[in-house]
């Protein structure tokens, strides 16, 4: 593994979504980690080096917005990690809720491969 490889944590309870994102991000040169919900994601970011988060909104145990609020407002050392929220919800209220929680950007699923890799590169500071 290259030492300059960027790591992205995918937080989504749907295994097909995680597999889809992985199939796009790994060939683009990113290392991918996975979590099934916000609780698992919180454990992962506190114990593993992560450069970016891709977070679903609707998940069991701890939803994506609660996870992002916790990450941003608990004075955690990882509180400034870039967060891309993804959801099938497309109302203005959903965008506003993600922004209020502390997300950097919100994309509506399904996400095109180029869009995903472009955001990953931008949030990870990789010139394309």
C-alpha atoms as a PDB file:
ATOM      1  CA  UNK A   1       0.000   0.000   0.000  1.00  0.00           C
ATOM      2  CA  UNK A   2       1.251   3.465  -0.833  1.00  0.00           C
ATOM      3  CA  UNK A   3       1.789   5.681   2.188  1.00  0.00           C
ATOM      4  CA  UNK A   4       0.123   8.622   0.420  1.00  0.00           C
ATOM      5  CA  UNK A   5      -3.036   6.656  -0.384  1.00  0.00           C
ATOM      6  CA  UNK A   6      -6.162   8.369   0.960  1.00  0.00           C
ATOM      7  CA  UNK A   7      -8.679   6.409   3.013  1.00  0.00           C
ATOM      8  CA  UNK A   8     -12.423   6.858   2.673  1.00  0.00           C
ATOM      9  CA  UNK A   9     -14.916   5.492   5.173  1.00  0.00           C
ATOM     10  CA  UNK A  10     -18.254   4.527   3.634  1.00  0.00           C
ATOM     11  CA  UNK A  11     -21.035   4.610   6.216  1.00  0.00           C
ATOM     12  CA  UNK A  12     -24.162   2.942   4.839  1.00  0.00           C
ATOM     13  CA  UNK A  13     -26.338   0.068   6.040  1.00  0.00           C
ATOM     14  CA  UNK A  14     -26.935  -1.164   2.455  1.00  0.00           C
ATOM     15  CA  UNK A  15     -24.281  -3.657   1.408  1.00  0.00           C
ATOM     16  CA  UNK A  16     -24.944  -3.036  -2.306  1.00  0.00           C
ATOM     17  CA  UNK A  17     -24.333   0.690  -1.891  1.00  0.00           C
ATOM     18  CA  UNK A  18     -21.056   0.040  -0.044  1.00  0.00           C
ATOM     19  CA  UNK A  19     -20.008  -2.421  -2.751  1.00  0.00           C
ATOM     20  CA  UNK A  20     -20.917   0.074  -5.500  1.00  0.00           C
ATOM     21  CA  UNK A  21     -18.884   2.877  -3.904  1.00  0.00           C
ATOM     22  CA  UNK A  22     -15.963   0.511  -3.246  1.00  0.00           C
ATOM     23  CA  UNK A  23     -16.008  -0.659  -6.881  1.00  0.00           C
ATOM     24  CA  UNK A  24     -15.602   2.969  -7.969  1.00  0.00           C
ATOM     25  CA  UNK A  25     -13.189   4.286  -5.335  1.00  0.00           C
ATOM     26  CA  UNK A  26     -10.643   1.469  -5.109  1.00  0.00           C
ATOM     27  CA  UNK A  27      -9.788   1.461  -8.844  1.00  0.00           C
ATOM     28  CA  UNK A  28      -9.422   5.258  -8.534  1.00  0.00           C
ATOM     29  CA  UNK A  29      -6.649   4.693  -5.968  1.00  0.00           C
ATOM     30  CA  UNK A  30      -8.472   5.112  -2.654  1.00  0.00           C
ATOM     31  CA  UNK A  31      -8.386   2.738   0.273  1.00  0.00           C
ATOM     32  CA  UNK A  32     -11.931   1.996   1.430  1.00  0.00           C
ATOM     33  CA  UNK A  33     -13.204   1.154   4.911  1.00  0.00           C
ATOM     34  CA  UNK A  34     -16.831   0.409   5.735  1.00  0.00           C
ATOM     35  CA  UNK A  35     -19.259   0.927   8.605  1.00  0.00           C
ATOM     36  CA  UNK A  36     -22.901  -0.151   8.802  1.00  0.00           C
ATOM     37  CA  UNK A  37     -24.122   2.794  10.879  1.00  0.00           C
ATOM     38  CA  UNK A  38     -23.020   5.889  12.764  1.00  0.00           C
ATOM     39  CA  UNK A  39     -21.930   3.976  15.869  1.00  0.00           C
ATOM     40  CA  UNK A  40     -19.569   1.771  13.878  1.00  0.00           C
ATOM     41  CA  UNK A  41     -18.350   4.831  12.002  1.00  0.00           C
ATOM     42  CA  UNK A  42     -17.585   6.673  15.229  1.00  0.00           C
ATOM     43  CA  UNK A  43     -15.552   3.716  16.492  1.00  0.00           C
ATOM     44  CA  UNK A  44     -13.694   3.535  13.173  1.00  0.00           C
ATOM     45  CA  UNK A  45     -12.774   7.224  12.935  1.00  0.00           C
ATOM     46  CA  UNK A  46     -11.516   7.196  16.520  1.00  0.00           C
ATOM     47  CA  UNK A  47      -9.257   4.184  15.912  1.00  0.00           C
ATOM     48  CA  UNK A  48      -8.234   4.371  12.241  1.00  0.00           C
ATOM     49  CA  UNK A  49      -6.751   7.067   9.993  1.00  0.00           C
ATOM     50  CA  UNK A  50      -9.509   8.271   7.652  1.00  0.00           C
ATOM     51  CA  UNK A  51      -9.333  11.150   5.170  1.00  0.00           C
ATOM     52  CA  UNK A  52     -12.988  11.453   4.150  1.00  0.00           C
ATOM     53  CA  UNK A  53     -16.438  10.142   5.065  1.00  0.00           C
ATOM     54  CA  UNK A  54     -19.300   9.200   2.753  1.00  0.00           C
ATOM     55  CA  UNK A  55     -22.354   8.957   4.986  1.00  0.00           C
ATOM     56  CA  UNK A  56     -25.900   7.762   4.319  1.00  0.00           C
ATOM     57  CA  UNK A  57     -28.703   9.490   6.195  1.00  0.00           C
ATOM     58  CA  UNK A  58     -31.111   6.671   7.059  1.00  0.00           C
ATOM     59  CA  UNK A  59     -29.441   3.903   9.075  1.00  0.00           C
ATOM     60  CA  UNK A  60     -30.307   1.897  12.201  1.00  0.00           C
ATOM     61  CA  UNK A  61     -28.756   2.507  15.643  1.00  0.00           C
ATOM     62  CA  UNK A  62     -27.275   5.904  14.736  1.00  0.00           C
ATOM     63  CA  UNK A  63     -28.385   7.706  11.585  1.00  0.00           C
ATOM     64  CA  UNK A  64     -26.018   9.714   9.431  1.00  0.00           C
ATOM     65  CA  UNK A  65     -27.067  13.163  10.604  1.00  0.00           C
ATOM     66  CA  UNK A  66     -26.702  12.193  14.272  1.00  0.00           C
ATOM     67  CA  UNK A  67     -23.277  10.756  13.481  1.00  0.00           C
ATOM     68  CA  UNK A  68     -22.153  13.954  11.732  1.00  0.00           C
ATOM     69  CA  UNK A  69     -23.500  16.158  14.552  1.00  0.00           C
ATOM     70  CA  UNK A  70     -21.650  13.981  17.080  1.00  0.00           C
ATOM     71  CA  UNK A  71     -18.467  14.162  15.032  1.00  0.00           C
ATOM     72  CA  UNK A  72     -18.678  17.949  14.703  1.00  0.00           C
ATOM     73  CA  UNK A  73     -19.860  18.931  18.171  1.00  0.00           C
ATOM     74  CA  UNK A  74     -18.057  16.656  20.604  1.00  0.00           C
ATOM     75  CA  UNK A  75     -14.669  18.368  20.264  1.00  0.00           C
ATOM     76  CA  UNK A  76     -13.219  15.198  18.751  1.00  0.00           C
ATOM     77  CA  UNK A  77      -9.786  15.247  17.108  1.00  0.00           C
ATOM     78  CA  UNK A  78     -11.441  13.968  13.912  1.00  0.00           C
ATOM     79  CA  UNK A  79     -14.191  16.591  13.980  1.00  0.00           C
ATOM     80  CA  UNK A  80     -12.981  18.380  10.871  1.00  0.00           C
ATOM     81  CA  UNK A  81     -12.984  15.359   8.531  1.00  0.00           C
ATOM     82  CA  UNK A  82     -14.711  16.106   5.213  1.00  0.00           C
ATOM     83  CA  UNK A  83     -18.216  14.601   5.090  1.00  0.00           C
ATOM     84  CA  UNK A  84     -20.210  13.865   1.956  1.00  0.00           C
ATOM     85  CA  UNK A  85     -23.819  13.012   2.833  1.00  0.00           C
ATOM     86  CA  UNK A  86     -25.654  10.734   0.404  1.00  0.00           C
ATOM     87  CA  UNK A  87     -29.358   9.962   0.439  1.00  0.00           C
ATOM     88  CA  UNK A  88     -32.353   9.215  -1.724  1.00  0.00           C
ATOM     89  CA  UNK A  89     -34.103  12.145  -0.030  1.00  0.00           C
ATOM     90  CA  UNK A  90     -34.028  15.252  -2.221  1.00  0.00           C
ATOM     91  CA  UNK A  91     -36.130  17.908  -0.492  1.00  0.00           C
ATOM     92  CA  UNK A  92     -34.612  21.263   0.456  1.00  0.00           C
ATOM     93  CA  UNK A  93     -35.233  20.387   4.120  1.00  0.00           C
ATOM     94  CA  UNK A  94     -32.915  17.359   3.718  1.00  0.00           C
ATOM     95  CA  UNK A  95     -30.131  19.515   2.285  1.00  0.00           C
ATOM     96  CA  UNK A  96     -30.636  22.046   5.088  1.00  0.00           C
ATOM     97  CA  UNK A  97     -30.563  19.334   7.770  1.00  0.00           C
ATOM     98  CA  UNK A  98     -27.290  17.956   6.408  1.00  0.00           C
ATOM     99  CA  UNK A  99     -25.742  21.422   6.328  1.00  0.00           C
ATOM    100  CA  UNK A 100     -26.925  22.112   9.886  1.00  0.00           C
ATOM    101  CA  UNK A 101     -25.424  18.813  11.054  1.00  0.00           C
ATOM    102  CA  UNK A 102     -22.059  19.847   9.631  1.00  0.00           C
ATOM    103  CA  UNK A 103     -21.845  18.027   6.302  1.00  0.00           C
ATOM    104  CA  UNK A 104     -19.594  19.523   3.657  1.00  0.00           C
ATOM    105  CA  UNK A 105     -21.838  18.493   0.771  1.00  0.00           C
ATOM    106  CA  UNK A 106     -25.004  16.509   0.005  1.00  0.00           C
ATOM    107  CA  UNK A 107     -25.577  14.292  -3.022  1.00  0.00           C
ATOM    108  CA  UNK A 108     -28.785  12.503  -3.986  1.00  0.00           C
ATOM    109  CA  UNK A 109     -28.474   8.799  -4.836  1.00  0.00           C
ATOM    110  CA  UNK A 110     -27.790   7.273  -7.248  1.00  0.00           C
ATOM    111  CA  UNK A 111     -24.389   8.889  -7.583  1.00  0.00           C
ATOM    112  CA  UNK A 112     -22.516   8.673 -10.869  1.00  0.00           C
ATOM    113  CA  UNK A 113     -18.981   7.217 -10.687  1.00  0.00           C
ATOM    114  CA  UNK A 114     -17.249  10.367 -11.975  1.00  0.00           C
ATOM    115  CA  UNK A 115     -19.138  12.526  -9.480  1.00  0.00           C
ATOM    116  CA  UNK A 116     -18.080  10.242  -6.627  1.00  0.00           C
ATOM    117  CA  UNK A 117     -14.404  10.187  -7.625  1.00  0.00           C
ATOM    118  CA  UNK A 118     -14.371  13.949  -8.247  1.00  0.00           C
ATOM    119  CA  UNK A 119     -15.739  14.661  -4.767  1.00  0.00           C
ATOM    120  CA  UNK A 120     -13.360  12.139  -3.207  1.00  0.00           C
ATOM    121  CA  UNK A 121     -10.389  13.756  -4.922  1.00  0.00           C
ATOM    122  CA  UNK A 122     -11.501  17.259  -3.955  1.00  0.00           C
ATOM    123  CA  UNK A 123     -12.173  16.398  -0.296  1.00  0.00           C
ATOM    124  CA  UNK A 124      -8.906  14.448  -0.043  1.00  0.00           C
ATOM    125  CA  UNK A 125      -6.862  17.226  -1.647  1.00  0.00           C
ATOM    126  CA  UNK A 126      -5.895  15.295  -4.752  1.00  0.00           C
ATOM    127  CA  UNK A 127      -5.389  17.242  -7.975  1.00  0.00           C
ATOM    128  CA  UNK A 128      -7.117  15.693 -10.992  1.00  0.00           C
END
